[in-house]
């Protein structure tokens, strides 16, 4: 089992009623994920707040190696959504210690697509709403054009903060990884956790061919000096969420928990 710490930001008692459930769910998901891949040491920060996915009452974020941040609305979050959000972010966590979340559009598509498929691998069920999004017309061709660009607009591609359909990047990434897995016998989202994004380019070409779209000519990626300073990585994943379970008898009430 990995060494990890749970930090619940509860000075104003917003999490008091669900602290035991959060702790129990977190322990359960660490064990479930460890059955599929090795988790690095990490800190899990949970806070109450308004910046959540409206549909689920929770948002996840893996901003850097060894860190997962969860924001939730205690009155609205459901246990299943908490669990699925945490598993999604744990895949990002493991990928950070490999190639990283990535700074280009292609890298972000692959990281989000893998995390979405990892949720299905660990917990089953239907794809989460963002992963089930059908990308708008032309987005596949745009992804081919901008694949290596680090100046892409993460908010537009993944959050709908522009002209694109909301969650386009998640839906496209999910479809891209599904196509890759269809041709990679014996592989899974867990085993691909450290796979570089360019290994998924053939899958993108196949999707373009299926839709009868000629592969666009990709502009040369900008130099390191011209690239934004990790904005895409800082926006890494703001997904689903949920409440928590019954506390095992004798569970401590402290706000910080360490498990090894």
Foldseek 3Di string as FASTA:
>chain_A
DEKEKEFEPQPVPQCQVFLLFLVVLVVVLVVLVVVQADFYYAYEYEYEDDPADVVAQKWWADQAARYIYIYGHQVGFAAVQASLRVQLVRLQNLLRVAPHCDQFLLSVLQSLLLSQQSSCVRPNDDGDPLLQDDWDPPVLLVCLQRVGERPDDLCVCAAVPDDTDHSNSNNNSNQLVVQVPVVVPPDGSSNCSNPDSVVSVVSSVVVCVVVPHDRDDHDDYDDPVPHPPCPNSNRRTTDTHGTGDDHDPPDDSDSMDIDD
